[in-house]
Amino acid sequence: MAPEVVYMRYVRDNLIGSTSIGRALRDGFLTWYYWWSPPIAQYMSDKPVLQAVFRVLLAPVSVSVRIADATFHGVGGGSLGSLLGFTFAAVFSILSYIVVPSVLLVVAVRWIRRTLSDAVSSQSPA
């Protein structure tokens, strides 16, 4: 296993999952995760280019795991550490994978529309 995976599992199981609330959060996450992840991993298993793309796309996951670790230890562990570590990592992941791409998409669509509109209006006879 890659060192990043070993570290992720350590944080997930030994830090976040070290309390009853953390185990409940972890188990709920794993139910969702293992619903879709194995089929994608199987599909990618013989596609090195796709594997390389996903390594880049999954970089924020490494950051979110470090956030969970730092938060857990920063508040002294326990149930509060599990809850806040999981929550902060989840918020960072939502920002990374949903909010930022959505905002960038909206900005790009507006820029394209404005550019096309300007191009059309500049070609119209005065």
C-alpha atoms as a PDB file:
ATOM      1  CA  MET A   1       0.000   0.000   0.000  1.00  0.00           C
ATOM      2  CA  ALA A   2       1.084   3.533  -0.714  1.00  0.00           C
ATOM      3  CA  PRO A   3       2.220   5.523   2.349  1.00  0.00           C
ATOM      4  CA  GLU A   4      -0.661   7.976   1.763  1.00  0.00           C
ATOM      5  CA  VAL A   5      -3.194   5.135   2.023  1.00  0.00           C
ATOM      6  CA  VAL A   6      -1.582   3.788   5.205  1.00  0.00           C
ATOM      7  CA  TYR A   7      -1.701   7.286   6.746  1.00  0.00           C
ATOM      8  CA  MET A   8      -5.308   7.835   5.622  1.00  0.00           C
ATOM      9  CA  ARG A   9      -6.411   4.558   7.192  1.00  0.00           C
ATOM     10  CA  TYR A  10      -4.523   5.383  10.390  1.00  0.00           C
ATOM     11  CA  VAL A  11      -6.305   8.747  10.719  1.00  0.00           C
ATOM     12  CA  ARG A  12      -9.645   7.232   9.737  1.00  0.00           C
ATOM     13  CA  ASP A  13      -9.506   4.226  12.053  1.00  0.00           C
ATOM     14  CA  ASN A  14      -7.179   5.174  14.913  1.00  0.00           C
ATOM     15  CA  LEU A  15      -8.008   8.858  15.320  1.00  0.00           C
ATOM     16  CA  ILE A  16     -11.456   9.697  13.942  1.00  0.00           C
ATOM     17  CA  GLY A  17     -12.741   6.164  14.555  1.00  0.00           C
ATOM     18  CA  SER A  18     -11.359   5.983  18.087  1.00  0.00           C
ATOM     19  CA  THR A  19     -14.623   7.193  19.673  1.00  0.00           C
ATOM     20  CA  SER A  20     -18.210   6.047  19.312  1.00  0.00           C
ATOM     21  CA  ILE A  21     -19.234   9.224  17.453  1.00  0.00           C
ATOM     22  CA  GLY A  22     -16.144   8.920  15.253  1.00  0.00           C
ATOM     23  CA  ARG A  23     -16.918   5.271  14.462  1.00  0.00           C
ATOM     24  CA  ALA A  24     -20.474   6.204  13.501  1.00  0.00           C
ATOM     25  CA  LEU A  25     -19.215   8.969  11.190  1.00  0.00           C
ATOM     26  CA  ARG A  26     -16.509   6.719   9.741  1.00  0.00           C
ATOM     27  CA  ASP A  27     -18.893   3.819   9.187  1.00  0.00           C
ATOM     28  CA  GLY A  28     -21.444   6.068   7.480  1.00  0.00           C
ATOM     29  CA  PHE A  29     -18.739   7.476   5.244  1.00  0.00           C
ATOM     30  CA  LEU A  30     -17.401   4.012   4.406  1.00  0.00           C
ATOM     31  CA  THR A  31     -20.863   2.761   3.471  1.00  0.00           C
ATOM     32  CA  TRP A  32     -21.150   5.569   0.942  1.00  0.00           C
ATOM     33  CA  TYR A  33     -17.517   5.287  -0.207  1.00  0.00           C
ATOM     34  CA  TYR A  34     -17.500   1.531  -0.792  1.00  0.00           C
ATOM     35  CA  TRP A  35     -20.747   1.795  -2.712  1.00  0.00           C
ATOM     36  CA  TRP A  36     -19.001   3.517  -5.642  1.00  0.00           C
ATOM     37  CA  SER A  37     -15.220   3.265  -5.148  1.00  0.00           C
ATOM     38  CA  PRO A  38     -14.485  -0.435  -5.887  1.00  0.00           C
ATOM     39  CA  PRO A  39     -16.130  -0.420  -9.343  1.00  0.00           C
ATOM     40  CA  ILE A  40     -14.145   2.694 -10.301  1.00  0.00           C
ATOM     41  CA  ALA A  41     -10.892   1.200  -8.970  1.00  0.00           C
ATOM     42  CA  GLN A  42     -11.543  -2.009 -10.892  1.00  0.00           C
ATOM     43  CA  TYR A  43     -12.201  -0.065 -14.095  1.00  0.00           C
ATOM     44  CA  MET A  44      -9.000   1.947 -13.649  1.00  0.00           C
ATOM     45  CA  SER A  45      -6.819  -1.035 -12.712  1.00  0.00           C
ATOM     46  CA  ASP A  46      -5.420  -1.459 -16.231  1.00  0.00           C
ATOM     47  CA  LYS A  47      -5.497   2.196 -17.340  1.00  0.00           C
ATOM     48  CA  PRO A  48      -2.272   3.972 -16.288  1.00  0.00           C
ATOM     49  CA  VAL A  49      -3.273   7.313 -17.802  1.00  0.00           C
ATOM     50  CA  LEU A  50      -6.533   7.332 -15.863  1.00  0.00           C
ATOM     51  CA  GLN A  51      -4.649   6.333 -12.706  1.00  0.00           C
ATOM     52  CA  ALA A  52      -2.309   9.305 -13.161  1.00  0.00           C
ATOM     53  CA  VAL A  53      -5.252  11.674 -13.665  1.00  0.00           C
ATOM     54  CA  PHE A  54      -6.943  10.401 -10.520  1.00  0.00           C
ATOM     55  CA  ARG A  55      -3.733  10.776  -8.490  1.00  0.00           C
ATOM     56  CA  VAL A  56      -3.904  14.491  -9.261  1.00  0.00           C
ATOM     57  CA  LEU A  57      -7.664  14.703  -8.711  1.00  0.00           C
ATOM     58  CA  LEU A  58      -7.346  13.000  -5.333  1.00  0.00           C
ATOM     59  CA  ALA A  59      -4.678  15.385  -3.999  1.00  0.00           C
ATOM     60  CA  PRO A  60      -7.265  17.285  -1.910  1.00  0.00           C
ATOM     61  CA  VAL A  61      -8.051  14.030  -0.092  1.00  0.00           C
ATOM     62  CA  SER A  62      -4.509  14.033   1.311  1.00  0.00           C
ATOM     63  CA  VAL A  63      -5.034  17.574   2.536  1.00  0.00           C
ATOM     64  CA  SER A  64      -8.381  16.718   4.124  1.00  0.00           C
ATOM     65  CA  VAL A  65      -6.820  13.772   5.973  1.00  0.00           C
ATOM     66  CA  ARG A  66      -4.090  16.079   7.322  1.00  0.00           C
ATOM     67  CA  ILE A  67      -6.796  18.536   8.393  1.00  0.00           C
ATOM     68  CA  ALA A  68      -8.602  15.744  10.246  1.00  0.00           C
ATOM     69  CA  ASP A  69      -5.362  14.701  11.955  1.00  0.00           C
ATOM     70  CA  ALA A  70      -4.398  18.259  12.952  1.00  0.00           C
ATOM     71  CA  THR A  71      -7.905  19.037  14.193  1.00  0.00           C
ATOM     72  CA  PHE A  72      -8.167  15.807  16.181  1.00  0.00           C
ATOM     73  CA  HIS A  73      -4.883  16.482  17.925  1.00  0.00           C
ATOM     74  CA  GLY A  74      -5.471  20.241  18.164  1.00  0.00           C
ATOM     75  CA  VAL A  75      -8.530  19.815  20.368  1.00  0.00           C
ATOM     76  CA  GLY A  76      -7.019  17.003  22.406  1.00  0.00           C
ATOM     77  CA  GLY A  77      -8.692  14.033  20.711  1.00  0.00           C
ATOM     78  CA  GLY A  78     -11.766  12.400  22.143  1.00  0.00           C
ATOM     79  CA  SER A  79     -15.274  12.737  20.796  1.00  0.00           C
ATOM     80  CA  LEU A  80     -14.830  16.439  20.077  1.00  0.00           C
ATOM     81  CA  GLY A  81     -11.655  15.702  18.117  1.00  0.00           C
ATOM     82  CA  SER A  82     -13.401  12.975  16.123  1.00  0.00           C
ATOM     83  CA  LEU A  83     -16.409  15.177  15.369  1.00  0.00           C
ATOM     84  CA  LEU A  84     -14.449  18.293  14.452  1.00  0.00           C
ATOM     85  CA  GLY A  85     -11.740  16.390  12.559  1.00  0.00           C
ATOM     86  CA  PHE A  86     -14.344  14.626  10.437  1.00  0.00           C
ATOM     87  CA  THR A  87     -16.375  17.814   9.952  1.00  0.00           C
ATOM     88  CA  PHE A  88     -13.442  20.003   8.921  1.00  0.00           C
ATOM     89  CA  ALA A  89     -12.147  17.340   6.526  1.00  0.00           C
ATOM     90  CA  ALA A  90     -15.635  16.975   5.032  1.00  0.00           C
ATOM     91  CA  VAL A  91     -16.025  20.738   4.620  1.00  0.00           C
ATOM     92  CA  PHE A  92     -12.616  20.975   2.929  1.00  0.00           C
ATOM     93  CA  SER A  93     -13.567  18.124   0.591  1.00  0.00           C
ATOM     94  CA  ILE A  94     -16.901  19.755  -0.285  1.00  0.00           C
ATOM     95  CA  LEU A  95     -15.129  23.030  -1.000  1.00  0.00           C
ATOM     96  CA  SER A  96     -12.480  21.272  -3.102  1.00  0.00           C
ATOM     97  CA  TYR A  97     -14.737  18.994  -5.119  1.00  0.00           C
ATOM     98  CA  ILE A  98     -18.052  20.861  -5.332  1.00  0.00           C
ATOM     99  CA  VAL A  99     -17.915  24.559  -4.433  1.00  0.00           C
ATOM    100  CA  VAL A 100     -14.688  25.652  -6.150  1.00  0.00           C
ATOM    101  CA  PRO A 101     -15.347  23.694  -9.390  1.00  0.00           C
ATOM    102  CA  SER A 102     -18.932  25.023  -9.482  1.00  0.00           C
ATOM    103  CA  VAL A 103     -17.795  28.618  -9.074  1.00  0.00           C
ATOM    104  CA  LEU A 104     -15.109  28.147 -11.729  1.00  0.00           C
ATOM    105  CA  LEU A 105     -17.670  26.645 -14.088  1.00  0.00           C
ATOM    106  CA  VAL A 106     -20.067  29.555 -13.603  1.00  0.00           C
ATOM    107  CA  VAL A 107     -17.264  32.078 -14.150  1.00  0.00           C
ATOM    108  CA  ALA A 108     -16.104  30.228 -17.287  1.00  0.00           C
ATOM    109  CA  VAL A 109     -19.625  30.048 -18.746  1.00  0.00           C
ATOM    110  CA  ARG A 110     -20.187  33.759 -18.108  1.00  0.00           C
ATOM    111  CA  TRP A 111     -16.830  34.610 -19.692  1.00  0.00           C
ATOM    112  CA  ILE A 112     -17.599  32.479 -22.760  1.00  0.00           C
ATOM    113  CA  ARG A 113     -21.058  34.024 -23.146  1.00  0.00           C
ATOM    114  CA  ARG A 114     -19.658  37.536 -22.789  1.00  0.00           C
ATOM    115  CA  THR A 115     -16.863  36.788 -25.277  1.00  0.00           C
ATOM    116  CA  LEU A 116     -19.305  35.344 -27.802  1.00  0.00           C
ATOM    117  CA  SER A 117     -21.710  38.239 -27.300  1.00  0.00           C
ATOM    118  CA  ASP A 118     -18.899  40.762 -27.802  1.00  0.00           C
ATOM    119  CA  ALA A 119     -17.748  38.922 -30.935  1.00  0.00           C
ATOM    120  CA  VAL A 120     -21.257  38.926 -32.387  1.00  0.00           C
ATOM    121  CA  SER A 121     -21.894  42.575 -31.571  1.00  0.00           C
ATOM    122  CA  SER A 122     -18.541  43.645 -33.055  1.00  0.00           C
ATOM    123  CA  GLN A 123     -19.453  41.953 -36.353  1.00  0.00           C
ATOM    124  CA  SER A 124     -22.875  43.623 -36.576  1.00  0.00           C
ATOM    125  CA  PRO A 125     -23.139  46.563 -38.998  1.00  0.00           C
ATOM    126  CA  ALA A 126     -23.296  49.899 -37.217  1.00  0.00           C
END
